């Protein structure tokens, strides 16, 4: 879907997403465990130590953020930022 983040069963328009935070292995573990919000959408792979946490800005959506394991979190964050800034054109 153009203009959307597709991850597992989730389909979220980039217009409903805020900033993407690249997480190193330590921060990713923290957001998987004691920092985790039970309302968050989390797509994790145990063998992938890094992740991206993306704020959900849609006030109608109770999901506070999306957590995605990623081998290339910088590239994912950059692609999301590009899609978000291009969505307003």
PDB file of N, CA and C in Angstrom:
ATOM      1  N   UNK A   1       0.842  -1.176   0.000  1.00  0.00           N
ATOM      2  CA  UNK A   1       0.000   0.000   0.000  1.00  0.00           C
ATOM      3  C   UNK A   1       0.884   1.235   0.000  1.00  0.00           C
ATOM      4  N   UNK A   2       0.763   2.033  -1.025  1.00  0.00           N
ATOM      5  CA  UNK A   2       1.523   3.276  -1.107  1.00  0.00           C
ATOM      6  C   UNK A   2       1.072   4.227  -0.007  1.00  0.00           C
ATOM      7  N   UNK A   3       2.046   4.907   0.606  1.00  0.00           N
ATOM      8  CA  UNK A   3       1.725   5.862   1.651  1.00  0.00           C
ATOM      9  C   UNK A   3       1.381   5.236   2.982  1.00  0.00           C
ATOM     10  N   UNK A   4       1.709   3.944   3.151  1.00  0.00           N
ATOM     11  CA  UNK A   4       1.405   3.251   4.405  1.00  0.00           C
ATOM     12  C   UNK A   4       2.608   2.448   4.872  1.00  0.00           C
ATOM     13  N   UNK A   5       2.684   2.288   6.175  1.00  0.00           N
ATOM     14  CA  UNK A   5       3.627   1.360   6.772  1.00  0.00           C
ATOM     15  C   UNK A   5       2.914   0.024   6.863  1.00  0.00           C
ATOM     16  N   UNK A   6       3.494  -0.995   6.261  1.00  0.00           N
ATOM     17  CA  UNK A   6       2.923  -2.345   6.307  1.00  0.00           C
ATOM     18  C   UNK A   6       3.912  -3.212   7.069  1.00  0.00           C
ATOM     19  N   UNK A   7       3.444  -3.756   8.196  1.00  0.00           N
ATOM     20  CA  UNK A   7       4.299  -4.607   9.032  1.00  0.00           C
ATOM     21  C   UNK A   7       3.425  -5.691   9.633  1.00  0.00           C
ATOM     22  N   UNK A   8       3.614  -6.914   9.184  1.00  0.00           N
ATOM     23  CA  UNK A   8       2.760  -7.993   9.661  1.00  0.00           C
ATOM     24  C   UNK A   8       1.319  -7.702   9.273  1.00  0.00           C
ATOM     25  N   UNK A   9       0.422  -7.740  10.241  1.00  0.00           N
ATOM     26  CA  UNK A   9      -0.997  -7.461   9.990  1.00  0.00           C
ATOM     27  C   UNK A   9      -1.316  -5.968  10.009  1.00  0.00           C
ATOM     28  N   UNK A  10      -0.375  -5.147  10.434  1.00  0.00           N
ATOM     29  CA  UNK A  10      -0.616  -3.698  10.552  1.00  0.00           C
ATOM     30  C   UNK A  10      -0.504  -3.000   9.200  1.00  0.00           C
ATOM     31  N   UNK A  11      -1.430  -2.082   8.951  1.00  0.00           N
ATOM     32  CA  UNK A  11      -1.416  -1.203   7.781  1.00  0.00           C
ATOM     33  C   UNK A  11      -1.726   0.189   8.316  1.00  0.00           C
ATOM     34  N   UNK A  12      -0.698   1.032   8.413  1.00  0.00           N
ATOM     35  CA  UNK A  12      -0.862   2.344   9.031  1.00  0.00           C
ATOM     36  C   UNK A  12      -0.459   3.418   8.031  1.00  0.00           C
ATOM     37  N   UNK A  13      -1.352   4.367   7.740  1.00  0.00           N
ATOM     38  CA  UNK A  13      -0.973   5.462   6.843  1.00  0.00           C
ATOM     39  C   UNK A  13       0.179   6.267   7.462  1.00  0.00           C
ATOM     40  N   UNK A  14       1.148   6.660   6.647  1.00  0.00           N
ATOM     41  CA  UNK A  14       2.275   7.424   7.182  1.00  0.00           C
ATOM     42  C   UNK A  14       1.813   8.758   7.758  1.00  0.00           C
ATOM     43  N   UNK A  15       0.670   9.243   7.333  1.00  0.00           N
ATOM     44  CA  UNK A  15       0.139  10.491   7.887  1.00  0.00           C
ATOM     45  C   UNK A  15      -0.254  10.336   9.355  1.00  0.00           C
ATOM     46  N   UNK A  16      -0.414   9.103   9.835  1.00  0.00           N
ATOM     47  CA  UNK A  16      -0.768   8.841  11.230  1.00  0.00           C
ATOM     48  C   UNK A  16       0.455   8.510  12.076  1.00  0.00           C
ATOM     49  N   UNK A  17       1.646   8.659  11.483  1.00  0.00           N
ATOM     50  CA  UNK A  17       2.881   8.313  12.192  1.00  0.00           C
ATOM     51  C   UNK A  17       3.706   9.554  12.468  1.00  0.00           C
ATOM     52  N   UNK A  18       4.360   9.544  13.607  1.00  0.00           N
ATOM     53  CA  UNK A  18       5.283  10.610  13.968  1.00  0.00           C
ATOM     54  C   UNK A  18       6.710  10.182  13.719  1.00  0.00           C
ATOM     55  N   UNK A  19       7.571  10.653  14.571  1.00  0.00           N
ATOM     56  CA  UNK A  19       9.001  10.397  14.425  1.00  0.00           C
ATOM     57  C   UNK A  19       9.337   8.927  14.642  1.00  0.00           C
ATOM     58  N   UNK A  20      10.358   8.480  13.910  1.00  0.00           N
ATOM     59  CA  UNK A  20      10.883   7.121  14.071  1.00  0.00           C
ATOM     60  C   UNK A  20      12.198   7.214  14.827  1.00  0.00           C
ATOM     61  N   UNK A  21      12.303   6.464  15.901  1.00  0.00           N
ATOM     62  CA  UNK A  21      13.505   6.457  16.735  1.00  0.00           C
ATOM     63  C   UNK A  21      14.262   5.153  16.502  1.00  0.00           C
ATOM     64  N   UNK A  22      15.503   5.269  16.070  1.00  0.00           N
ATOM     65  CA  UNK A  22      16.357   4.100  15.869  1.00  0.00           C
ATOM     66  C   UNK A  22      16.861   3.651  17.238  1.00  0.00           C
ATOM     67  N   UNK A  23      16.687   2.368  17.536  1.00  0.00           N
ATOM     68  CA  UNK A  23      17.078   1.820  18.829  1.00  0.00           C
ATOM     69  C   UNK A  23      18.260   0.879  18.680  1.00  0.00           C
ATOM     70  N   UNK A  24      19.305   1.125  19.466  1.00  0.00           N
ATOM     71  CA  UNK A  24      20.420   0.183  19.484  1.00  0.00           C
ATOM     72  C   UNK A  24      19.973  -1.060  20.270  1.00  0.00           C
ATOM     73  N   UNK A  25      20.826  -2.043  20.377  1.00  0.00           N
ATOM     74  CA  UNK A  25      20.439  -3.314  21.004  1.00  0.00           C
ATOM     75  C   UNK A  25      19.957  -3.122  22.437  1.00  0.00           C
ATOM     76  N   UNK A  26      20.632  -2.277  23.211  1.00  0.00           N
ATOM     77  CA  UNK A  26      20.253  -2.068  24.609  1.00  0.00           C
ATOM     78  C   UNK A  26      18.900  -1.372  24.726  1.00  0.00           C
ATOM     79  N   UNK A  27      18.689  -0.305  23.955  1.00  0.00           N
ATOM     80  CA  UNK A  27      17.404   0.403  23.991  1.00  0.00           C
ATOM     81  C   UNK A  27      16.284  -0.468  23.429  1.00  0.00           C
ATOM     82  N   UNK A  28      16.573  -1.243  22.409  1.00  0.00           N
ATOM     83  CA  UNK A  28      15.562  -2.147  21.853  1.00  0.00           C
ATOM     84  C   UNK A  28      15.101  -3.146  22.909  1.00  0.00           C
ATOM     85  N   UNK A  29      16.050  -3.695  23.657  1.00  0.00           N
ATOM     86  CA  UNK A  29      15.695  -4.629  24.726  1.00  0.00           C
ATOM     87  C   UNK A  29      14.834  -3.939  25.781  1.00  0.00           C
ATOM     88  N   UNK A  30      15.180  -2.708  26.126  1.00  0.00           N
ATOM     89  CA  UNK A  30      14.402  -1.958  27.117  1.00  0.00           C
ATOM     90  C   UNK A  30      12.968  -1.750  26.644  1.00  0.00           C
ATOM     91  N   UNK A  31      12.792  -1.394  25.368  1.00  0.00           N
ATOM     92  CA  UNK A  31      11.439  -1.162  24.838  1.00  0.00           C
ATOM     93  C   UNK A  31      10.671  -2.465  24.635  1.00  0.00           C
ATOM     94  N   UNK A  32      11.366  -3.605  24.558  1.00  0.00           N
ATOM     95  CA  UNK A  32      10.695  -4.904  24.496  1.00  0.00           C
ATOM     96  C   UNK A  32      10.253  -5.375  25.871  1.00  0.00           C
ATOM     97  N   UNK A  33      10.879  -4.821  26.911  1.00  0.00           N
ATOM     98  CA  UNK A  33      10.636  -5.338  28.257  1.00  0.00           C
ATOM     99  C   UNK A  33      10.047  -4.255  29.160  1.00  0.00           C
ATOM    100  N   UNK A  34      10.830  -3.675  30.030  1.00  0.00           N
ATOM    101  CA  UNK A  34      10.289  -2.808  31.074  1.00  0.00           C
ATOM    102  C   UNK A  34       9.752  -1.469  30.589  1.00  0.00           C
ATOM    103  N   UNK A  35      10.162  -0.983  29.428  1.00  0.00           N
ATOM    104  CA  UNK A  35       9.608   0.262  28.884  1.00  0.00           C
ATOM    105  C   UNK A  35       8.376   0.021  28.017  1.00  0.00           C
ATOM    106  N   UNK A  36       8.073  -1.219  27.719  1.00  0.00           N
ATOM    107  CA  UNK A  36       7.001  -1.558  26.781  1.00  0.00           C
ATOM    108  C   UNK A  36       5.638  -1.106  27.283  1.00  0.00           C
ATOM    109  N   UNK A  37       4.840  -0.603  26.361  1.00  0.00           N
ATOM    110  CA  UNK A  37       3.445  -0.252  26.638  1.00  0.00           C
ATOM    111  C   UNK A  37       2.601  -1.393  26.070  1.00  0.00           C
ATOM    112  N   UNK A  38       1.712  -1.981  26.855  1.00  0.00           N
ATOM    113  CA  UNK A  38       0.919  -3.109  26.357  1.00  0.00           C
ATOM    114  C   UNK A  38      -0.012  -2.742  25.198  1.00  0.00           C
ATOM    115  N   UNK A  39      -0.249  -1.465  24.982  1.00  0.00           N
ATOM    116  CA  UNK A  39      -1.109  -1.044  23.859  1.00  0.00           C
ATOM    117  C   UNK A  39      -0.333  -0.923  22.548  1.00  0.00           C
ATOM    118  N   UNK A  40       0.988  -1.010  22.595  1.00  0.00           N
ATOM    119  CA  UNK A  40       1.824  -0.837  21.405  1.00  0.00           C
ATOM    120  C   UNK A  40       1.691  -2.032  20.462  1.00  0.00           C
ATOM    121  N   UNK A  41       1.905  -1.765  19.176  1.00  0.00           N
ATOM    122  CA  UNK A  41       1.999  -2.838  18.183  1.00  0.00           C
ATOM    123  C   UNK A  41       3.469  -3.202  18.096  1.00  0.00           C
ATOM    124  N   UNK A  42       3.785  -4.468  18.352  1.00  0.00           N
ATOM    125  CA  UNK A  42       5.174  -4.890  18.355  1.00  0.00           C
ATOM    126  C   UNK A  42       5.366  -6.079  17.427  1.00  0.00           C
ATOM    127  N   UNK A  43       6.313  -5.934  16.521  1.00  0.00           N
ATOM    128  CA  UNK A  43       6.686  -7.008  15.610  1.00  0.00           C
ATOM    129  C   UNK A  43       8.162  -7.273  15.852  1.00  0.00           C
ATOM    130  N   UNK A  44       8.430  -8.369  16.557  1.00  0.00           N
ATOM    131  CA  UNK A  44       9.791  -8.644  17.010  1.00  0.00           C
ATOM    132  C   UNK A  44      10.337  -9.924  16.408  1.00  0.00           C
ATOM    133  N   UNK A  45      11.624  -9.914  16.182  1.00  0.00           N
ATOM    134  CA  UNK A  45      12.367 -11.094  15.779  1.00  0.00           C
ATOM    135  C   UNK A  45      13.489 -11.268  16.789  1.00  0.00           C
ATOM    136  N   UNK A  46      13.524 -12.404  17.471  1.00  0.00           N
ATOM    137  CA  UNK A  46      14.493 -12.636  18.529  1.00  0.00           C
ATOM    138  C   UNK A  46      15.939 -12.540  18.083  1.00  0.00           C
ATOM    139  N   UNK A  47      16.214 -12.883  16.854  1.00  0.00           N
ATOM    140  CA  UNK A  47      17.596 -12.877  16.378  1.00  0.00           C
ATOM    141  C   UNK A  47      18.026 -11.510  15.848  1.00  0.00           C
ATOM    142  N   UNK A  48      17.130 -10.521  15.873  1.00  0.00           N
ATOM    143  CA  UNK A  48      17.447  -9.181  15.384  1.00  0.00           C
ATOM    144  C   UNK A  48      17.512  -8.251  16.595  1.00  0.00           C
ATOM    145  N   UNK A  49      18.709  -7.817  16.979  1.00  0.00           N
ATOM    146  CA  UNK A  49      18.847  -7.070  18.228  1.00  0.00           C
ATOM    147  C   UNK A  49      18.424  -5.601  18.171  1.00  0.00           C
ATOM    148  N   UNK A  50      18.366  -5.010  16.987  1.00  0.00           N
ATOM    149  CA  UNK A  50      18.045  -3.577  16.880  1.00  0.00           C
ATOM    150  C   UNK A  50      16.609  -3.390  16.418  1.00  0.00           C
ATOM    151  N   UNK A  51      16.111  -2.165  16.564  1.00  0.00           N
ATOM    152  CA  UNK A  51      14.708  -1.918  16.231  1.00  0.00           C
ATOM    153  C   UNK A  51      14.463  -0.445  15.936  1.00  0.00           C
ATOM    154  N   UNK A  52      13.234  -0.175  15.532  1.00  0.00           N
ATOM    155  CA  UNK A  52      12.746   1.189  15.324  1.00  0.00           C
ATOM    156  C   UNK A  52      11.454   1.314  16.116  1.00  0.00           C
ATOM    157  N   UNK A  53      11.318   2.436  16.810  1.00  0.00           N
ATOM    158  CA  UNK A  53      10.074   2.740  17.526  1.00  0.00           C
ATOM    159  C   UNK A  53       9.472   3.960  16.863  1.00  0.00           C
ATOM    160  N   UNK A  54       8.230   3.823  16.379  1.00  0.00           N
ATOM    161  CA  UNK A  54       7.582   4.880  15.615  1.00  0.00           C
ATOM    162  C   UNK A  54       6.329   5.337  16.355  1.00  0.00           C
ATOM    163  N   UNK A  55       6.292   6.601  16.659  1.00  0.00           N
ATOM    164  CA  UNK A  55       5.155   7.189  17.354  1.00  0.00           C
ATOM    165  C   UNK A  55       3.915   7.136  16.462  1.00  0.00           C
ATOM    166  N   UNK A  56       2.767   6.786  17.039  1.00  0.00           N
ATOM    167  CA  UNK A  56       1.483   6.852  16.335  1.00  0.00           C
ATOM    168  C   UNK A  56       0.807   8.146  16.795  1.00  0.00           C
ATOM    169  N   UNK A  57       0.529   9.044  15.862  1.00  0.00           N
ATOM    170  CA  UNK A  57       0.010  10.371  16.196  1.00  0.00           C
ATOM    171  C   UNK A  57      -1.493  10.521  15.983  1.00  0.00           C
ATOM    172  N   UNK A  58      -2.143   9.507  15.451  1.00  0.00           N
ATOM    173  CA  UNK A  58      -3.592   9.566  15.217  1.00  0.00           C
ATOM    174  C   UNK A  58      -4.309   9.549  16.568  1.00  0.00           C
ATOM    175  N   UNK A  59      -5.037  10.636  16.920  1.00  0.00           N
ATOM    176  CA  UNK A  59      -5.704  10.676  18.226  1.00  0.00           C
ATOM    177  C   UNK A  59      -6.811   9.623  18.376  1.00  0.00           C
ATOM    178  N   UNK A  60      -7.318   9.104  17.272  1.00  0.00           N
ATOM    179  CA  UNK A  60      -8.363   8.080  17.325  1.00  0.00           C
ATOM    180  C   UNK A  60      -7.794   6.676  17.529  1.00  0.00           C
ATOM    181  N   UNK A  61      -6.478   6.534  17.428  1.00  0.00           N
ATOM    182  CA  UNK A  61      -5.834   5.230  17.565  1.00  0.00           C
ATOM    183  C   UNK A  61      -5.231   5.119  18.963  1.00  0.00           C
ATOM    184  N   UNK A  62      -5.629   4.119  19.750  1.00  0.00           N
ATOM    185  CA  UNK A  62      -5.082   3.980  21.104  1.00  0.00           C
ATOM    186  C   UNK A  62      -3.648   3.438  21.138  1.00  0.00           C
ATOM    187  N   UNK A  63      -3.116   3.050  19.988  1.00  0.00           N
ATOM    188  CA  UNK A  63      -1.758   2.512  19.916  1.00  0.00           C
ATOM    189  C   UNK A  63      -0.754   3.656  20.064  1.00  0.00           C
ATOM    190  N   UNK A  64       0.086   3.651  21.092  1.00  0.00           N
ATOM    191  CA  UNK A  64       1.010   4.769  21.289  1.00  0.00           C
ATOM    192  C   UNK A  64       2.206   4.765  20.330  1.00  0.00           C
ATOM    193  N   UNK A  65       2.638   3.564  19.949  1.00  0.00           N
ATOM    194  CA  UNK A  65       3.780   3.462  19.041  1.00  0.00           C
ATOM    195  C   UNK A  65       3.814   2.079  18.414  1.00  0.00           C
ATOM    196  N   UNK A  66       4.626   1.985  17.362  1.00  0.00           N
ATOM    197  CA  UNK A  66       4.885   0.726  16.675  1.00  0.00           C
ATOM    198  C   UNK A  66       6.357   0.403  16.924  1.00  0.00           C
ATOM    199  N   UNK A  67       6.629  -0.823  17.335  1.00  0.00           N
ATOM    200  CA  UNK A  67       7.987  -1.292  17.575  1.00  0.00           C
ATOM    201  C   UNK A  67       8.275  -2.363  16.533  1.00  0.00           C
ATOM    202  N   UNK A  68       9.324  -2.166  15.741  1.00  0.00           N
ATOM    203  CA  UNK A  68       9.670  -3.124  14.696  1.00  0.00           C
ATOM    204  C   UNK A  68      11.134  -3.513  14.799  1.00  0.00           C
ATOM    205  N   UNK A  69      11.413  -4.790  14.945  1.00  0.00           N
ATOM    206  CA  UNK A  69      12.784  -5.276  14.845  1.00  0.00           C
ATOM    207  C   UNK A  69      13.260  -5.016  13.418  1.00  0.00           C
ATOM    208  N   UNK A  70      14.528  -4.627  13.292  1.00  0.00           N
ATOM    209  CA  UNK A  70      15.050  -4.344  11.956  1.00  0.00           C
ATOM    210  C   UNK A  70      16.558  -4.543  11.922  1.00  0.00           C
ATOM    211  N   UNK A  71      17.024  -5.195  10.871  1.00  0.00           N
ATOM    212  CA  UNK A  71      18.469  -5.333  10.673  1.00  0.00           C
ATOM    213  C   UNK A  71      19.064  -4.024  10.163  1.00  0.00           C
ATOM    214  N   UNK A  72      18.214  -3.168   9.556  1.00  0.00           N
ATOM    215  CA  UNK A  72      18.657  -1.879   9.020  1.00  0.00           C
ATOM    216  C   UNK A  72      17.734  -0.770   9.523  1.00  0.00           C
ATOM    217  N   UNK A  73      17.769  -0.489  10.833  1.00  0.00           N
ATOM    218  CA  UNK A  73      16.825   0.479  11.388  1.00  0.00           C
ATOM    219  C   UNK A  73      17.011   1.904  10.851  1.00  0.00           C
ATOM    220  N   UNK A  74      18.246   2.291  10.545  1.00  0.00           N
ATOM    221  CA  UNK A  74      18.472   3.634   9.998  1.00  0.00           C
ATOM    222  C   UNK A  74      17.785   3.785   8.642  1.00  0.00           C
ATOM    223  N   UNK A  75      17.889   2.755   7.800  1.00  0.00           N
ATOM    224  CA  UNK A  75      17.256   2.797   6.480  1.00  0.00           C
ATOM    225  C   UNK A  75      15.732   2.827   6.607  1.00  0.00           C
ATOM    226  N   UNK A  76      15.187   2.057   7.538  1.00  0.00           N
ATOM    227  CA  UNK A  76      13.741   2.053   7.752  1.00  0.00           C
ATOM    228  C   UNK A  76      13.265   3.420   8.235  1.00  0.00           C
ATOM    229  N   UNK A  77      13.974   4.002   9.204  1.00  0.00           N
ATOM    230  CA  UNK A  77      13.603   5.324   9.713  1.00  0.00           C
ATOM    231  C   UNK A  77      13.685   6.372   8.608  1.00  0.00           C
ATOM    232  N   UNK A  78      14.706   6.304   7.773  1.00  0.00           N
ATOM    233  CA  UNK A  78      14.860   7.254   6.676  1.00  0.00           C
ATOM    234  C   UNK A  78      13.732   7.099   5.649  1.00  0.00           C
ATOM    235  N   UNK A  79      13.360   5.866   5.348  1.00  0.00           N
ATOM    236  CA  UNK A  79      12.275   5.623   4.396  1.00  0.00           C
ATOM    237  C   UNK A  79      10.952   6.152   4.937  1.00  0.00           C
ATOM    238  N   UNK A  80      10.710   5.954   6.220  1.00  0.00           N
ATOM    239  CA  UNK A  80       9.478   6.472   6.831  1.00  0.00           C
ATOM    240  C   UNK A  80       9.459   7.991   6.817  1.00  0.00           C
ATOM    241  N   UNK A  81      10.585   8.606   7.132  1.00  0.00           N
ATOM    242  CA  UNK A  81      10.663  10.075   7.119  1.00  0.00           C
ATOM    243  C   UNK A  81      10.435  10.611   5.711  1.00  0.00           C
ATOM    244  N   UNK A  82      11.025   9.955   4.733  1.00  0.00           N
ATOM    245  CA  UNK A  82      10.839  10.352   3.341  1.00  0.00           C
ATOM    246  C   UNK A  82       9.369  10.233   2.935  1.00  0.00           C
ATOM    247  N   UNK A  83       8.728   9.143   3.327  1.00  0.00           N
ATOM    248  CA  UNK A  83       7.314   8.933   2.997  1.00  0.00           C
ATOM    249  C   UNK A  83       6.432   9.952   3.721  1.00  0.00           C
ATOM    250  N   UNK A  84       6.758  10.262   4.988  1.00  0.00           N
ATOM    251  CA  UNK A  84       5.952  11.242   5.749  1.00  0.00           C
ATOM    252  C   UNK A  84       6.067  12.635   5.144  1.00  0.00           C
ATOM    253  N   UNK A  85       7.273  13.047   4.808  1.00  0.00           N
ATOM    254  CA  UNK A  85       7.452  14.403   4.262  1.00  0.00           C
ATOM    255  C   UNK A  85       6.921  14.480   2.843  1.00  0.00           C
ATOM    256  N   UNK A  86       6.976  13.368   2.115  1.00  0.00           N
ATOM    257  CA  UNK A  86       6.426  13.341   0.767  1.00  0.00           C
ATOM    258  C   UNK A  86       4.910  13.227   0.742  1.00  0.00           C
ATOM    259  N   UNK A  87       4.313  12.738   1.860  1.00  0.00           N
ATOM    260  CA  UNK A  87       2.866  12.573   1.922  1.00  0.00           C
ATOM    261  C   UNK A  87       2.138  13.890   1.935  1.00  0.00           C
ATOM    262  N   UNK A  88       2.795  14.960   2.373  1.00  0.00           N
ATOM    263  CA  UNK A  88       2.157  16.260   2.423  1.00  0.00           C
ATOM    264  C   UNK A  88       2.205  17.012   1.109  1.00  0.00           C
ATOM    265  N   UNK A  89       2.899  16.478   0.105  1.00  0.00           N
ATOM    266  CA  UNK A  89       3.025  17.164  -1.209  1.00  0.00           C
ATOM    267  C   UNK A  89       1.742  17.171  -1.967  1.00  0.00           C
TER     268      UNK A  89
END
